[in-house]
Amino acid sequence: MEKRELTCIGCPMGCQITVELEGTEVVSVTGNTCGIGDKYARNEVTHPERTVTSTSIVLGGDKPRVSVKTASNIPKDKISDVMKAIDAAVMKAPVHIGDVVVKDVCGTGVDVVATRNVEVI
């Protein structure tokens, strides 16, 4: 039986969680103080995901870049490819919160969206 030690990032508590695995099956989760920790730990050892935040270039805007994020979590092993796609994205002002910057980024089914407004100069 394999044991993995994690620090939960599901809430501000930062619980130290122990996950016991038999092969790829989670046998037990201990150390969490809430249900979020249990869900986070099970997902983290079987299919880790993250929300990615960054910035993209804006042309003709009152700011040179706009903050962006993935609309939901993406597989952790796609982070590098997603960052490259975000870095390659260039938008023209105006940009509004929620505008899609990259649709279906890297085939994940998740869009990258703007998280700030950038107005035309």
C-alpha atoms as a PDB file:
ATOM      1  CA  MET A   1       0.000   0.000   0.000  1.00  0.00           C
ATOM      2  CA  GLU A   2       1.306   3.435  -0.975  1.00  0.00           C
ATOM      3  CA  LYS A   3       0.946   6.533   1.227  1.00  0.00           C
ATOM      4  CA  ARG A   4       1.082  10.090  -0.072  1.00  0.00           C
ATOM      5  CA  GLU A   5       1.349  13.167   2.119  1.00  0.00           C
ATOM      6  CA  LEU A   6      -0.339  16.344   0.834  1.00  0.00           C
ATOM      7  CA  THR A   7      -1.000  19.861   2.046  1.00  0.00           C
ATOM      8  CA  CYS A   8      -4.589  20.678   1.152  1.00  0.00           C
ATOM      9  CA  ILE A   9      -5.147  23.818  -0.930  1.00  0.00           C
ATOM     10  CA  GLY A  10      -8.949  23.546  -0.882  1.00  0.00           C
ATOM     11  CA  CYS A  11      -9.434  26.142   1.853  1.00  0.00           C
ATOM     12  CA  PRO A  12      -7.244  28.388   4.050  1.00  0.00           C
ATOM     13  CA  MET A  13      -6.772  25.706   6.749  1.00  0.00           C
ATOM     14  CA  GLY A  14      -3.936  23.961   4.835  1.00  0.00           C
ATOM     15  CA  CYS A  15      -4.568  20.557   6.434  1.00  0.00           C
ATOM     16  CA  GLN A  16      -1.855  17.907   6.265  1.00  0.00           C
ATOM     17  CA  ILE A  17      -3.579  15.002   4.534  1.00  0.00           C
ATOM     18  CA  THR A  18      -2.494  11.394   4.178  1.00  0.00           C
ATOM     19  CA  VAL A  19      -3.862   9.394   1.255  1.00  0.00           C
ATOM     20  CA  GLU A  20      -3.495   5.624   1.164  1.00  0.00           C
ATOM     21  CA  LEU A  21      -3.601   4.011  -2.262  1.00  0.00           C
ATOM     22  CA  GLU A  22      -3.853   0.437  -3.430  1.00  0.00           C
ATOM     23  CA  GLY A  23      -2.632   0.662  -7.016  1.00  0.00           C
ATOM     24  CA  THR A  24      -4.605   3.580  -8.455  1.00  0.00           C
ATOM     25  CA  GLU A  25      -7.533   3.210  -6.026  1.00  0.00           C
ATOM     26  CA  VAL A  26      -7.834   5.515  -3.016  1.00  0.00           C
ATOM     27  CA  VAL A  27      -8.321   3.388   0.111  1.00  0.00           C
ATOM     28  CA  SER A  28      -8.429   6.168   2.714  1.00  0.00           C
ATOM     29  CA  VAL A  29      -8.017   9.893   3.252  1.00  0.00           C
ATOM     30  CA  THR A  30      -7.111  11.184   6.726  1.00  0.00           C
ATOM     31  CA  GLY A  31      -6.088  14.502   8.255  1.00  0.00           C
ATOM     32  CA  ASN A  32      -8.671  16.667   6.491  1.00  0.00           C
ATOM     33  CA  THR A  33     -11.016  18.746   8.630  1.00  0.00           C
ATOM     34  CA  CYS A  34     -13.663  19.225   5.948  1.00  0.00           C
ATOM     35  CA  GLY A  35     -15.175  17.561   2.894  1.00  0.00           C
ATOM     36  CA  ILE A  36     -13.242  19.861   0.591  1.00  0.00           C
ATOM     37  CA  GLY A  37     -10.017  18.224   1.792  1.00  0.00           C
ATOM     38  CA  ASP A  38     -11.294  14.744   1.067  1.00  0.00           C
ATOM     39  CA  LYS A  39     -12.356  15.709  -2.452  1.00  0.00           C
ATOM     40  CA  TYR A  40      -9.104  17.612  -3.107  1.00  0.00           C
ATOM     41  CA  ALA A  41      -6.919  14.708  -1.918  1.00  0.00           C
ATOM     42  CA  ARG A  42      -8.734  12.076  -3.977  1.00  0.00           C
ATOM     43  CA  ASN A  43      -8.539  14.226  -7.097  1.00  0.00           C
ATOM     44  CA  GLU A  44      -4.914  15.246  -6.506  1.00  0.00           C
ATOM     45  CA  VAL A  45      -3.620  11.659  -6.433  1.00  0.00           C
ATOM     46  CA  THR A  46      -5.756  10.369  -9.323  1.00  0.00           C
ATOM     47  CA  HIS A  47      -6.221  13.338 -11.699  1.00  0.00           C
ATOM     48  CA  PRO A  48      -4.499  16.548 -10.524  1.00  0.00           C
ATOM     49  CA  GLU A  49      -5.911  19.797 -11.928  1.00  0.00           C
ATOM     50  CA  ARG A  50      -5.187  23.492 -11.534  1.00  0.00           C
ATOM     51  CA  THR A  51      -6.586  26.876 -12.495  1.00  0.00           C
ATOM     52  CA  VAL A  52      -3.988  28.810 -14.491  1.00  0.00           C
ATOM     53  CA  THR A  53      -3.624  32.585 -14.212  1.00  0.00           C
ATOM     54  CA  SER A  54      -1.403  34.811 -16.317  1.00  0.00           C
ATOM     55  CA  THR A  55      -1.535  37.870 -18.588  1.00  0.00           C
ATOM     56  CA  SER A  56      -1.946  38.396 -22.339  1.00  0.00           C
ATOM     57  CA  ILE A  57      -0.920  41.249 -24.623  1.00  0.00           C
ATOM     58  CA  VAL A  58      -3.486  43.923 -25.516  1.00  0.00           C
ATOM     59  CA  LEU A  59      -2.987  46.194 -28.522  1.00  0.00           C
ATOM     60  CA  GLY A  60      -4.335  49.755 -28.441  1.00  0.00           C
ATOM     61  CA  GLY A  61      -5.424  49.586 -24.824  1.00  0.00           C
ATOM     62  CA  ASP A  62      -5.007  51.802 -21.800  1.00  0.00           C
ATOM     63  CA  LYS A  63      -2.988  48.903 -20.334  1.00  0.00           C
ATOM     64  CA  PRO A  64      -0.428  46.823 -22.270  1.00  0.00           C
ATOM     65  CA  ARG A  65      -1.589  43.494 -20.804  1.00  0.00           C
ATOM     66  CA  VAL A  66      -4.786  41.986 -19.434  1.00  0.00           C
ATOM     67  CA  SER A  67      -4.988  39.472 -16.604  1.00  0.00           C
ATOM     68  CA  VAL A  68      -6.478  36.132 -17.646  1.00  0.00           C
ATOM     69  CA  LYS A  69      -7.356  32.767 -16.141  1.00  0.00           C
ATOM     70  CA  THR A  70      -8.696  29.410 -17.194  1.00  0.00           C
ATOM     71  CA  ALA A  71     -12.481  29.346 -16.765  1.00  0.00           C
ATOM     72  CA  SER A  72     -12.100  26.109 -14.765  1.00  0.00           C
ATOM     73  CA  ASN A  73      -9.369  23.675 -13.822  1.00  0.00           C
ATOM     74  CA  ILE A  74      -7.207  22.004 -16.444  1.00  0.00           C
ATOM     75  CA  PRO A  75      -5.087  18.842 -16.125  1.00  0.00           C
ATOM     76  CA  LYS A  76      -1.853  19.666 -14.318  1.00  0.00           C
ATOM     77  CA  ASP A  77       0.253  18.091 -17.068  1.00  0.00           C
ATOM     78  CA  LYS A  78      -1.139  20.633 -19.581  1.00  0.00           C
ATOM     79  CA  ILE A  79      -0.014  23.731 -17.651  1.00  0.00           C
ATOM     80  CA  SER A  80       3.131  24.331 -19.724  1.00  0.00           C
ATOM     81  CA  ASP A  81       1.246  24.065 -23.035  1.00  0.00           C
ATOM     82  CA  VAL A  82      -1.556  26.295 -21.740  1.00  0.00           C
ATOM     83  CA  MET A  83       0.960  28.926 -20.627  1.00  0.00           C
ATOM     84  CA  LYS A  84       2.502  28.909 -24.119  1.00  0.00           C
ATOM     85  CA  ALA A  85      -0.951  29.401 -25.687  1.00  0.00           C
ATOM     86  CA  ILE A  86      -1.726  32.257 -23.294  1.00  0.00           C
ATOM     87  CA  ASP A  87       1.652  33.864 -24.011  1.00  0.00           C
ATOM     88  CA  ALA A  88       0.945  33.709 -27.764  1.00  0.00           C
ATOM     89  CA  ALA A  89      -2.499  35.331 -27.405  1.00  0.00           C
ATOM     90  CA  VAL A  90      -2.830  38.944 -28.517  1.00  0.00           C
ATOM     91  CA  MET A  91      -6.079  40.904 -28.153  1.00  0.00           C
ATOM     92  CA  LYS A  92      -7.228  44.272 -29.428  1.00  0.00           C
ATOM     93  CA  ALA A  93      -8.802  46.714 -26.994  1.00  0.00           C
ATOM     94  CA  PRO A  94     -11.409  46.955 -25.684  1.00  0.00           C
ATOM     95  CA  VAL A  95     -11.286  43.812 -23.562  1.00  0.00           C
ATOM     96  CA  HIS A  96     -13.925  43.119 -20.910  1.00  0.00           C
ATOM     97  CA  ILE A  97     -14.058  40.784 -17.938  1.00  0.00           C
ATOM     98  CA  GLY A  98     -15.218  37.387 -19.164  1.00  0.00           C
ATOM     99  CA  ASP A  99     -14.151  37.883 -22.799  1.00  0.00           C
ATOM    100  CA  VAL A 100     -12.666  34.680 -24.215  1.00  0.00           C
ATOM    101  CA  VAL A 101      -8.957  35.138 -24.880  1.00  0.00           C
ATOM    102  CA  VAL A 102      -8.230  31.537 -25.962  1.00  0.00           C
ATOM    103  CA  LYS A 103     -11.104  29.178 -26.762  1.00  0.00           C
ATOM    104  CA  ASP A 104     -10.738  25.485 -25.811  1.00  0.00           C
ATOM    105  CA  VAL A 105      -7.118  26.023 -24.800  1.00  0.00           C
ATOM    106  CA  CYS A 106      -4.928  23.087 -25.854  1.00  0.00           C
ATOM    107  CA  GLY A 107      -7.953  20.880 -26.454  1.00  0.00           C
ATOM    108  CA  THR A 108      -8.911  20.858 -22.761  1.00  0.00           C
ATOM    109  CA  GLY A 109     -12.464  22.069 -23.379  1.00  0.00           C
ATOM    110  CA  VAL A 110     -11.688  25.041 -21.114  1.00  0.00           C
ATOM    111  CA  ASP A 111     -11.565  28.659 -22.269  1.00  0.00           C
ATOM    112  CA  VAL A 112      -9.079  31.268 -21.066  1.00  0.00           C
ATOM    113  CA  VAL A 113     -10.983  34.426 -20.088  1.00  0.00           C
ATOM    114  CA  ALA A 114     -10.080  38.018 -19.255  1.00  0.00           C
ATOM    115  CA  THR A 115     -10.329  38.985 -15.594  1.00  0.00           C
ATOM    116  CA  ARG A 116      -9.965  42.752 -16.050  1.00  0.00           C
ATOM    117  CA  ASN A 117     -11.257  45.457 -18.342  1.00  0.00           C
ATOM    118  CA  VAL A 118      -8.893  47.208 -20.745  1.00  0.00           C
ATOM    119  CA  GLU A 119     -10.306  50.210 -22.584  1.00  0.00           C
ATOM    120  CA  VAL A 120      -9.264  51.720 -25.910  1.00  0.00           C
ATOM    121  CA  ILE A 121      -6.731  54.526 -25.652  1.00  0.00           C
END
